[in-house]
Full PDB file with SEQRES, HELIX, SHEET, SSBOND, CRYST1, ORIGX, SCALE, CONECT and MASTER records, all heavy atoms in Angstrom:
SEQRES   1 A   39  PRO TRP LEU THR THR ASP THR ALA ALA THR GLY SER LEU          
SEQRES   2 A   39  THR ALA MET GLU ILE THR GLN LYS ILE ASP VAL ARG SER          
SEQRES   3 A   39  VAL ALA PRO VAL LEU PHE ILE GLY LEU VAL VAL ILE ALA          
HELIX    1 AA1 ALA A   15  LYS A   21  1                                   7    
HELIX    2 AA2 ALA A   28  ILE A   38  1                                  11    
SHEET    1 AA1 2 LEU A   3  THR A   4  0                                        
SHEET    2 AA1 2 SER A  12  LEU A  13 -1                                        
CRYST1    1.000    1.000    1.000  90.00  90.00  90.00 P 1           1          
ORIGX1      1.000000  0.000000  0.000000        0.00000                         
ORIGX2      0.000000  1.000000  0.000000        0.00000                         
ORIGX3      0.000000  0.000000  1.000000        0.00000                         
SCALE1      1.000000  0.000000  0.000000        0.00000                         
SCALE2      0.000000  1.000000  0.000000        0.00000                         
SCALE3      0.000000  0.000000  1.000000        0.00000                         
ATOM      1  N   PRO A   1      94.339  92.638  92.544  1.00  0.00           N  
ATOM      2  CA  PRO A   1      94.740  91.884  91.308  1.00  0.00           C  
ATOM      3  C   PRO A   1      95.284  90.500  91.633  1.00  0.00           C  
ATOM      4  O   PRO A   1      96.133  90.354  92.489  1.00  0.00           O  
ATOM      5  CB  PRO A   1      95.863  92.768  90.735  1.00  0.00           C  
ATOM      6  CG  PRO A   1      95.655  94.145  91.368  1.00  0.00           C  
ATOM      7  CD  PRO A   1      95.105  93.882  92.740  1.00  0.00           C  
ATOM      8  N   TRP A   2      94.696  89.494  91.002  1.00  0.00           N  
ATOM      9  CA  TRP A   2      95.180  88.152  91.124  1.00  0.00           C  
ATOM     10  C   TRP A   2      96.053  87.750  89.918  1.00  0.00           C  
ATOM     11  O   TRP A   2      96.917  86.923  90.073  1.00  0.00           O  
ATOM     12  CB  TRP A   2      93.967  87.179  91.275  1.00  0.00           C  
ATOM     13  CG  TRP A   2      93.420  87.117  92.653  1.00  0.00           C  
ATOM     14  CD1 TRP A   2      93.135  88.229  93.438  1.00  0.00           C  
ATOM     15  CD2 TRP A   2      93.093  85.955  93.441  1.00  0.00           C  
ATOM     16  NE1 TRP A   2      92.583  87.792  94.650  1.00  0.00           N  
ATOM     17  CE2 TRP A   2      92.590  86.438  94.657  1.00  0.00           C  
ATOM     18  CE3 TRP A   2      93.168  84.593  93.199  1.00  0.00           C  
ATOM     19  CZ2 TRP A   2      92.144  85.566  95.658  1.00  0.00           C  
ATOM     20  CZ3 TRP A   2      92.750  83.764  94.192  1.00  0.00           C  
ATOM     21  CH2 TRP A   2      92.237  84.194  95.396  1.00  0.00           C  
ATOM     22  N   LEU A   3      95.809  88.369  88.796  1.00  0.00           N  
ATOM     23  CA  LEU A   3      96.586  88.108  87.576  1.00  0.00           C  
ATOM     24  C   LEU A   3      96.878  89.454  86.931  1.00  0.00           C  
ATOM     25  O   LEU A   3      96.023  90.325  86.956  1.00  0.00           O  
ATOM     26  CB  LEU A   3      95.856  87.170  86.642  1.00  0.00           C  
ATOM     27  CG  LEU A   3      95.576  85.725  87.014  1.00  0.00           C  
ATOM     28  CD1 LEU A   3      94.752  85.015  85.959  1.00  0.00           C  
ATOM     29  CD2 LEU A   3      96.908  84.998  87.227  1.00  0.00           C  
ATOM     30  N   THR A   4      98.053  89.582  86.389  1.00  0.00           N  
ATOM     31  CA  THR A   4      98.442  90.750  85.611  1.00  0.00           C  
ATOM     32  C   THR A   4      98.858  90.327  84.215  1.00  0.00           C  
ATOM     33  O   THR A   4      99.408  89.187  84.059  1.00  0.00           O  
ATOM     34  CB  THR A   4      99.557  91.502  86.307  1.00  0.00           C  
ATOM     35  OG1 THR A   4     100.694  90.625  86.446  1.00  0.00           O  
ATOM     36  CG2 THR A   4      99.177  92.055  87.666  1.00  0.00           C  
ATOM     37  N   THR A   5      98.600  91.198  83.273  1.00  0.00           N  
ATOM     38  CA  THR A   5      98.978  90.894  81.861  1.00  0.00           C  
ATOM     39  C   THR A   5      99.735  92.126  81.287  1.00  0.00           C  
ATOM     40  O   THR A   5      99.664  93.226  81.886  1.00  0.00           O  
ATOM     41  CB  THR A   5      97.750  90.647  81.022  1.00  0.00           C  
ATOM     42  OG1 THR A   5      96.922  91.786  80.994  1.00  0.00           O  
ATOM     43  CG2 THR A   5      96.924  89.468  81.589  1.00  0.00           C  
ATOM     44  N   ASP A   6     100.397  91.842  80.206  1.00  0.00           N  
ATOM     45  CA  ASP A   6     101.126  92.945  79.537  1.00  0.00           C  
ATOM     46  C   ASP A   6     100.217  93.690  78.595  1.00  0.00           C  
ATOM     47  O   ASP A   6     100.615  94.750  78.027  1.00  0.00           O  
ATOM     48  CB  ASP A   6     102.306  92.367  78.754  1.00  0.00           C  
ATOM     49  CG  ASP A   6     103.337  91.755  79.698  1.00  0.00           C  
ATOM     50  OD1 ASP A   6     103.404  92.195  80.844  1.00  0.00           O  
ATOM     51  OD2 ASP A   6     103.991  90.787  79.274  1.00  0.00           O  
ATOM     52  N   THR A   7      99.013  93.234  78.403  1.00  0.00           N  
ATOM     53  CA  THR A   7      98.096  93.899  77.482  1.00  0.00           C  
ATOM     54  C   THR A   7      97.393  95.063  78.197  1.00  0.00           C  
ATOM     55  O   THR A   7      96.908  94.906  79.348  1.00  0.00           O  
ATOM     56  CB  THR A   7      96.970  92.934  77.043  1.00  0.00           C  
ATOM     57  OG1 THR A   7      97.603  91.777  76.439  1.00  0.00           O  
ATOM     58  CG2 THR A   7      96.099  93.581  75.978  1.00  0.00           C  
ATOM     59  N   ALA A   8      97.446  96.213  77.613  1.00  0.00           N  
ATOM     60  CA  ALA A   8      96.924  97.412  78.236  1.00  0.00           C  
ATOM     61  C   ALA A   8      95.408  97.349  78.402  1.00  0.00           C  
ATOM     62  O   ALA A   8      94.817  97.813  79.379  1.00  0.00           O  
ATOM     63  CB  ALA A   8      97.215  98.677  77.437  1.00  0.00           C  
ATOM     64  N   ALA A   9      94.713  96.621  77.487  1.00  0.00           N  
ATOM     65  CA  ALA A   9      93.281  96.524  77.549  1.00  0.00           C  
ATOM     66  C   ALA A   9      92.866  95.649  78.750  1.00  0.00           C  
ATOM     67  O   ALA A   9      91.822  95.907  79.408  1.00  0.00           O  
ATOM     68  CB  ALA A   9      92.734  95.964  76.269  1.00  0.00           C  
ATOM     69  N   THR A  10      93.636  94.612  78.998  1.00  0.00           N  
ATOM     70  CA  THR A  10      93.257  93.718  80.108  1.00  0.00           C  
ATOM     71  C   THR A  10      93.846  94.228  81.420  1.00  0.00           C  
ATOM     72  O   THR A  10      93.152  94.289  82.446  1.00  0.00           O  
ATOM     73  CB  THR A  10      93.837  92.301  79.842  1.00  0.00           C  
ATOM     74  OG1 THR A  10      93.347  91.870  78.552  1.00  0.00           O  
ATOM     75  CG2 THR A  10      93.406  91.343  80.880  1.00  0.00           C  
ATOM     76  N   GLY A  11      95.145  94.572  81.442  1.00  0.00           N  
ATOM     77  CA  GLY A  11      95.732  95.101  82.667  1.00  0.00           C  
ATOM     78  C   GLY A  11      95.818  94.023  83.761  1.00  0.00           C  
ATOM     79  O   GLY A  11      96.747  93.204  83.693  1.00  0.00           O  
ATOM     80  N   SER A  12      94.930  94.006  84.667  1.00  0.00           N  
ATOM     81  CA  SER A  12      94.950  93.066  85.742  1.00  0.00           C  
ATOM     82  C   SER A  12      93.555  92.422  85.930  1.00  0.00           C  
ATOM     83  O   SER A  12      92.574  93.004  85.583  1.00  0.00           O  
ATOM     84  CB  SER A  12      95.438  93.685  87.060  1.00  0.00           C  
ATOM     85  OG  SER A  12      94.567  94.709  87.454  1.00  0.00           O  
ATOM     86  N   LEU A  13      93.533  91.283  86.548  1.00  0.00           N  
ATOM     87  CA  LEU A  13      92.290  90.548  86.814  1.00  0.00           C  
ATOM     88  C   LEU A  13      92.172  90.314  88.288  1.00  0.00           C  
ATOM     89  O   LEU A  13      93.102  89.744  88.909  1.00  0.00           O  
ATOM     90  CB  LEU A  13      92.236  89.261  86.014  1.00  0.00           C  
ATOM     91  CG  LEU A  13      92.273  89.295  84.479  1.00  0.00           C  
ATOM     92  CD1 LEU A  13      92.360  87.908  83.910  1.00  0.00           C  
ATOM     93  CD2 LEU A  13      91.008  90.046  83.976  1.00  0.00           C  
ATOM     94  N   THR A  14      91.011  90.660  88.872  1.00  0.00           N  
ATOM     95  CA  THR A  14      90.729  90.363  90.230  1.00  0.00           C  
ATOM     96  C   THR A  14      90.132  88.929  90.342  1.00  0.00           C  
ATOM     97  O   THR A  14      89.913  88.282  89.342  1.00  0.00           O  
ATOM     98  CB  THR A  14      89.753  91.382  90.826  1.00  0.00           C  
ATOM     99  OG1 THR A  14      88.463  91.248  90.178  1.00  0.00           O  
ATOM    100  CG2 THR A  14      90.272  92.780  90.725  1.00  0.00           C  
ATOM    101  N   ALA A  15      89.939  88.511  91.557  1.00  0.00           N  
ATOM    102  CA  ALA A  15      89.385  87.163  91.736  1.00  0.00           C  
ATOM    103  C   ALA A  15      87.990  87.097  91.169  1.00  0.00           C  
ATOM    104  O   ALA A  15      87.600  86.044  90.610  1.00  0.00           O  
ATOM    105  CB  ALA A  15      89.346  86.821  93.256  1.00  0.00           C  
ATOM    106  N   MET A  16      87.224  88.147  91.302  1.00  0.00           N  
ATOM    107  CA  MET A  16      85.827  88.096  90.708  1.00  0.00           C  
ATOM    108  C   MET A  16      85.914  88.047  89.199  1.00  0.00           C  
ATOM    109  O   MET A  16      85.089  87.381  88.586  1.00  0.00           O  
ATOM    110  CB  MET A  16      85.115  89.381  91.157  1.00  0.00           C  
ATOM    111  CG  MET A  16      84.957  89.524  92.695  1.00  0.00           C  
ATOM    112  SD  MET A  16      83.988  88.154  93.387  1.00  0.00           S  
ATOM    113  CE  MET A  16      82.390  88.474  92.686  1.00  0.00           C  
ATOM    114  N   GLU A  17      86.854  88.782  88.598  1.00  0.00           N  
ATOM    115  CA  GLU A  17      86.955  88.740  87.146  1.00  0.00           C  
ATOM    116  C   GLU A  17      87.470  87.397  86.607  1.00  0.00           C  
ATOM    117  O   GLU A  17      87.094  86.988  85.516  1.00  0.00           O  
ATOM    118  CB  GLU A  17      87.876  89.889  86.667  1.00  0.00           C  
ATOM    119  CG  GLU A  17      87.248  91.230  86.943  1.00  0.00           C  
ATOM    120  CD  GLU A  17      88.256  92.323  86.661  1.00  0.00           C  
ATOM    121  OE1 GLU A  17      89.510  92.052  86.692  1.00  0.00           O  
ATOM    122  OE2 GLU A  17      87.849  93.500  86.471  1.00  0.00           O  
ATOM    123  N   ILE A  18      88.279  86.752  87.417  1.00  0.00           N  
ATOM    124  CA  ILE A  18      88.797  85.438  87.003  1.00  0.00           C  
ATOM    125  C   ILE A  18      87.633  84.410  86.954  1.00  0.00           C  
ATOM    126  O   ILE A  18      87.581  83.604  86.036  1.00  0.00           O  
ATOM    127  CB  ILE A  18      89.872  84.930  87.971  1.00  0.00           C  
ATOM    128  CG1 ILE A  18      91.144  85.764  87.837  1.00  0.00           C  
ATOM    129  CG2 ILE A  18      90.262  83.460  87.719  1.00  0.00           C  
ATOM    130  CD1 ILE A  18      92.243  85.424  88.803  1.00  0.00           C  
ATOM    131  N   THR A  19      86.714  84.476  87.864  1.00  0.00           N  
ATOM    132  CA  THR A  19      85.573  83.546  87.917  1.00  0.00           C  
ATOM    133  C   THR A  19      84.671  83.733  86.697  1.00  0.00           C  
ATOM    134  O   THR A  19      83.934  82.856  86.286  1.00  0.00           O  
ATOM    135  CB  THR A  19      84.766  83.700  89.190  1.00  0.00           C  
ATOM    136  OG1 THR A  19      84.307  85.049  89.282  1.00  0.00           O  
ATOM    137  CG2 THR A  19      85.617  83.358  90.388  1.00  0.00           C  
ATOM    138  N   GLN A  20      84.724  84.940  86.110  1.00  0.00           N  
ATOM    139  CA  GLN A  20      83.917  85.218  84.919  1.00  0.00           C  
ATOM    140  C   GLN A  20      84.563  84.717  83.644  1.00  0.00           C  
ATOM    141  O   GLN A  20      83.861  84.481  82.628  1.00  0.00           O  
ATOM    142  CB  GLN A  20      83.641  86.695  84.794  1.00  0.00           C  
ATOM    143  CG  GLN A  20      82.814  87.295  85.989  1.00  0.00           C  
ATOM    144  CD  GLN A  20      82.728  88.788  85.928  1.00  0.00           C  
ATOM    145  OE1 GLN A  20      83.206  89.419  84.963  1.00  0.00           O  
ATOM    146  NE2 GLN A  20      82.060  89.379  86.887  1.00  0.00           N  
ATOM    147  N   LYS A  21      85.887  84.544  83.653  1.00  0.00           N  
ATOM    148  CA  LYS A  21      86.625  84.072  82.471  1.00  0.00           C  
ATOM    149  C   LYS A  21      86.853  82.588  82.457  1.00  0.00           C  
ATOM    150  O   LYS A  21      86.899  82.014  81.361  1.00  0.00           O  
ATOM    151  CB  LYS A  21      87.958  84.818  82.421  1.00  0.00           C  
ATOM    152  CG  LYS A  21      87.831  86.301  82.010  1.00  0.00           C  
ATOM    153  CD  LYS A  21      89.257  86.881  81.941  1.00  0.00           C  
ATOM    154  CE  LYS A  21      89.133  88.307  81.353  1.00  0.00           C  
ATOM    155  NZ  LYS A  21      88.668  88.340  79.920  1.00  0.00           N  
ATOM    156  N   ILE A  22      86.997  81.949  83.540  1.00  0.00           N  
ATOM    157  CA  ILE A  22      87.279  80.511  83.611  1.00  0.00           C  
ATOM    158  C   ILE A  22      86.228  79.830  84.498  1.00  0.00           C  
ATOM    159  O   ILE A  22      85.557  80.473  85.273  1.00  0.00           O  
ATOM    160  CB  ILE A  22      88.688  80.262  84.066  1.00  0.00           C  
ATOM    161  CG1 ILE A  22      88.869  80.821  85.483  1.00  0.00           C  
ATOM    162  CG2 ILE A  22      89.688  80.870  83.142  1.00  0.00           C  
ATOM    163  CD1 ILE A  22      90.234  80.521  86.087  1.00  0.00           C  
ATOM    164  N   ASP A  23      86.190  78.536  84.380  1.00  0.00           N  
ATOM    165  CA  ASP A  23      85.287  77.724  85.167  1.00  0.00           C  
ATOM    166  C   ASP A  23      86.028  77.227  86.444  1.00  0.00           C  
ATOM    167  O   ASP A  23      86.880  76.376  86.380  1.00  0.00           O  
ATOM    168  CB  ASP A  23      84.826  76.514  84.385  1.00  0.00           C  
ATOM    169  CG  ASP A  23      83.779  75.661  85.117  1.00  0.00           C  
ATOM    170  OD1 ASP A  23      83.295  76.178  86.140  1.00  0.00           O  
ATOM    171  OD2 ASP A  23      83.476  74.559  84.656  1.00  0.00           O  
ATOM    172  N   VAL A  24      85.679  77.870  87.572  1.00  0.00           N  
ATOM    173  CA  VAL A  24      86.294  77.466  88.811  1.00  0.00           C  
ATOM    174  C   VAL A  24      85.245  76.983  89.804  1.00  0.00           C  
ATOM    175  O   VAL A  24      85.343  77.195  91.026  1.00  0.00           O  
ATOM    176  CB  VAL A  24      87.094  78.638  89.452  1.00  0.00           C  
ATOM    177  CG1 VAL A  24      88.345  78.935  88.635  1.00  0.00           C  
ATOM    178  CG2 VAL A  24      86.174  79.872  89.537  1.00  0.00           C  
ATOM    179  N   ARG A  25      84.191  76.349  89.291  1.00  0.00           N  
ATOM    180  CA  ARG A  25      83.123  75.862  90.116  1.00  0.00           C  
ATOM    181  C   ARG A  25      83.571  74.822  91.098  1.00  0.00           C  
ATOM    182  O   ARG A  25      82.879  74.555  92.085  1.00  0.00           O  
ATOM    183  CB  ARG A  25      82.015  75.314  89.266  1.00  0.00           C  
ATOM    184  CG  ARG A  25      81.188  76.446  88.539  1.00  0.00           C  
ATOM    185  CD  ARG A  25      80.156  75.844  87.635  1.00  0.00           C  
ATOM    186  NE  ARG A  25      80.728  75.094  86.517  1.00  0.00           N  
ATOM    187  CZ  ARG A  25      80.042  74.466  85.575  1.00  0.00           C  
ATOM    188  NH1 ARG A  25      78.737  74.549  85.604  1.00  0.00           N  
ATOM    189  NH2 ARG A  25      80.659  73.793  84.620  1.00  0.00           N  
ATOM    190  N   SER A  26      84.688  74.188  90.819  1.00  0.00           N  
ATOM    191  CA  SER A  26      85.170  73.105  91.768  1.00  0.00           C  
ATOM    192  C   SER A  26      85.929  73.688  92.958  1.00  0.00           C  
ATOM    193  O   SER A  26      86.102  73.011  93.953  1.00  0.00           O  
ATOM    194  CB  SER A  26      86.096  72.123  91.021  1.00  0.00           C  
ATOM    195  OG  SER A  26      87.196  72.842  90.494  1.00  0.00           O  
ATOM    196  N   VAL A  27      86.376  74.938  92.873  1.00  0.00           N  
ATOM    197  CA  VAL A  27      87.185  75.520  93.950  1.00  0.00           C  
ATOM    198  C   VAL A  27      86.469  76.684  94.626  1.00  0.00           C  
ATOM    199  O   VAL A  27      86.466  76.786  95.841  1.00  0.00           O  
ATOM    200  CB  VAL A  27      88.544  76.006  93.429  1.00  0.00           C  
ATOM    201  CG1 VAL A  27      89.387  76.624  94.498  1.00  0.00           C  
ATOM    202  CG2 VAL A  27      89.273  74.824  92.749  1.00  0.00           C  
ATOM    203  N   ALA A  28      85.820  77.557  93.860  1.00  0.00           N  
ATOM    204  CA  ALA A  28      85.210  78.733  94.409  1.00  0.00           C  
ATOM    205  C   ALA A  28      84.183  78.440  95.517  1.00  0.00           C  
ATOM    206  O   ALA A  28      84.211  79.138  96.546  1.00  0.00           O  
ATOM    207  CB  ALA A  28      84.586  79.567  93.323  1.00  0.00           C  
ATOM    208  N   PRO A  29      83.254  77.484  95.342  1.00  0.00           N  
ATOM    209  CA  PRO A  29      82.343  77.223  96.454  1.00  0.00           C  
ATOM    210  C   PRO A  29      82.987  76.764  97.729  1.00  0.00           C  
ATOM    211  O   PRO A  29      82.558  77.115  98.847  1.00  0.00           O  
ATOM    212  CB  PRO A  29      81.410  76.105  95.869  1.00  0.00           C  
ATOM    213  CG  PRO A  29      81.567  76.236  94.392  1.00  0.00           C  
ATOM    214  CD  PRO A  29      82.946  76.661  94.159  1.00  0.00           C  
ATOM    215  N   VAL A  30      84.089  76.036  97.606  1.00  0.00           N  
ATOM    216  CA  VAL A  30      84.767  75.547  98.800  1.00  0.00           C  
ATOM    217  C   VAL A  30      85.346  76.758  99.605  1.00  0.00           C  
ATOM    218  O   VAL A  30      85.237  76.820 100.809  1.00  0.00           O  
ATOM    219  CB  VAL A  30      85.953  74.571  98.427  1.00  0.00           C  
ATOM    220  CG1 VAL A  30      86.723  74.209  99.655  1.00  0.00           C  
ATOM    221  CG2 VAL A  30      85.373  73.316  97.777  1.00  0.00           C  
ATOM    222  N   LEU A  31      85.965  77.708  98.846  1.00  0.00           N  
ATOM    223  CA  LEU A  31      86.528  78.871  99.521  1.00  0.00           C  
ATOM    224  C   LEU A  31      85.428  79.756 100.151  1.00  0.00           C  
ATOM    225  O   LEU A  31      85.572  80.216 101.278  1.00  0.00           O  
ATOM    226  CB  LEU A  31      87.413  79.660  98.528  1.00  0.00           C  
ATOM    227  CG  LEU A  31      88.567  78.897  97.904  1.00  0.00           C  
ATOM    228  CD1 LEU A  31      89.309  79.785  96.912  1.00  0.00           C  
ATOM    229  CD2 LEU A  31      89.478  78.390  99.025  1.00  0.00           C  
ATOM    230  N   PHE A  32      84.354  79.976  99.404  1.00  0.00           N  
ATOM    231  CA  PHE A  32      83.280  80.851  99.883  1.00  0.00           C  
ATOM    232  C   PHE A  32      82.594  80.255 101.068  1.00  0.00           C  
ATOM    233  O   PHE A  32      82.418  80.897 102.115  1.00  0.00           O  
ATOM    234  CB  PHE A  32      82.304  81.140  98.760  1.00  0.00           C  
ATOM    235  CG  PHE A  32      81.189  82.027  99.219  1.00  0.00           C  
ATOM    236  CD1 PHE A  32      81.381  83.419  99.420  1.00  0.00           C  
ATOM    237  CD2 PHE A  32      79.925  81.516  99.420  1.00  0.00           C  
ATOM    238  CE1 PHE A  32      80.311  84.194  99.860  1.00  0.00           C  
ATOM    239  CE2 PHE A  32      78.876  82.241  99.843  1.00  0.00           C  
ATOM    240  CZ  PHE A  32      79.060  83.618 100.022  1.00  0.00           C  
ATOM    241  N   ILE A  33      82.170  78.967 100.952  1.00  0.00           N  
ATOM    242  CA  ILE A  33      81.441  78.333 102.030  1.00  0.00           C  
ATOM    243  C   ILE A  33      82.405  78.171 103.230  1.00  0.00           C  
ATOM    244  O   ILE A  33      81.965  78.325 104.401  1.00  0.00           O  
ATOM    245  CB  ILE A  33      80.895  76.965 101.596  1.00  0.00           C  
ATOM    246  CG1 ILE A  33      79.874  77.158 100.511  1.00  0.00           C  
ATOM    247  CG2 ILE A  33      80.330  76.173 102.769  1.00  0.00           C  
ATOM    248  CD1 ILE A  33      79.361  75.837  99.928  1.00  0.00           C  
ATOM    249  N   GLY A  34      83.673  77.948 102.952  1.00  0.00           N  
ATOM    250  CA  GLY A  34      84.658  77.845 104.050  1.00  0.00           C  
ATOM    251  C   GLY A  34      84.761  79.145 104.823  1.00  0.00           C  
ATOM    252  O   GLY A  34      84.818  79.149 106.061  1.00  0.00           O  
ATOM    253  N   LEU A  35      84.744  80.254 104.112  1.00  0.00           N  
ATOM    254  CA  LEU A  35      84.750  81.589 104.737  1.00  0.00           C  
ATOM    255  C   LEU A  35      83.588  81.766 105.694  1.00  0.00           C  
ATOM    256  O   LEU A  35      83.720  82.214 106.852  1.00  0.00           O  
ATOM    257  CB  LEU A  35      84.815  82.709 103.716  1.00  0.00           C  
ATOM    258  CG  LEU A  35      86.186  83.075 103.102  1.00  0.00           C  
ATOM    259  CD1 LEU A  35      85.994  84.084 102.001  1.00  0.00           C  
ATOM    260  CD2 LEU A  35      87.084  83.646 104.181  1.00  0.00           C  
ATOM    261  N   VAL A  36      82.357  81.408 105.214  1.00  0.00           N  
ATOM    262  CA  VAL A  36      81.181  81.603 105.978  1.00  0.00           C  
ATOM    263  C   VAL A  36      81.204  80.665 107.211  1.00  0.00           C  
ATOM    264  O   VAL A  36      80.910  81.085 108.327  1.00  0.00           O  
ATOM    265  CB  VAL A  36      79.980  81.280 105.106  1.00  0.00           C  
ATOM    266  CG1 VAL A  36      78.694  81.349 105.958  1.00  0.00           C  
ATOM    267  CG2 VAL A  36      79.861  82.298 104.009  1.00  0.00           C  
ATOM    268  N   VAL A  37      81.620  79.428 107.027  1.00  0.00           N  
ATOM    269  CA  VAL A  37      81.657  78.450 108.147  1.00  0.00           C  
ATOM    270  C   VAL A  37      82.651  78.849 109.211  1.00  0.00           C  
ATOM    271  O   VAL A  37      82.358  78.769 110.388  1.00  0.00           O  
ATOM    272  CB  VAL A  37      81.900  76.992 107.606  1.00  0.00           C  
ATOM    273  CG1 VAL A  37      82.115  76.052 108.763  1.00  0.00           C  
ATOM    274  CG2 VAL A  37      80.752  76.571 106.720  1.00  0.00           C  
ATOM    275  N   ILE A  38      83.843  79.276 108.726  1.00  0.00           N  
ATOM    276  CA  ILE A  38      84.863  79.678 109.695  1.00  0.00           C  
ATOM    277  C   ILE A  38      84.383  80.893 110.479  1.00  0.00           C  
ATOM    278  O   ILE A  38      84.555  80.940 111.725  1.00  0.00           O  
ATOM    279  CB  ILE A  38      86.174  80.005 108.991  1.00  0.00           C  
ATOM    280  CG1 ILE A  38      86.747  78.743 108.334  1.00  0.00           C  
ATOM    281  CG2 ILE A  38      87.226  80.563 109.940  1.00  0.00           C  
ATOM    282  CD1 ILE A  38      87.952  79.047 107.433  1.00  0.00           C  
ATOM    283  N   ALA A  39      83.816  81.897 109.794  1.00  0.00           N  
ATOM    284  CA  ALA A  39      83.325  83.078 110.507  1.00  0.00           C  
ATOM    285  C   ALA A  39      82.250  82.680 111.533  1.00  0.00           C  
ATOM    286  O   ALA A  39      82.248  83.259 112.649  1.00  0.00           O  
ATOM    287  CB  ALA A  39      82.776  84.044 109.513  1.00  0.00           C  
TER     288      ALA A  39                                                      
MASTER        0    0    0    2    2    0    0    6  287    1    0    3          
END                                                                             
């Protein structure tokens, strides 16, 4: 869980679910490509 809410229907949001709700195209590729390059 990256985010938690008081709403029972939502509960918590993982990182994958956050990317589906908001536009994080400016950050997500940096983190993913960074993981691959570091590995």
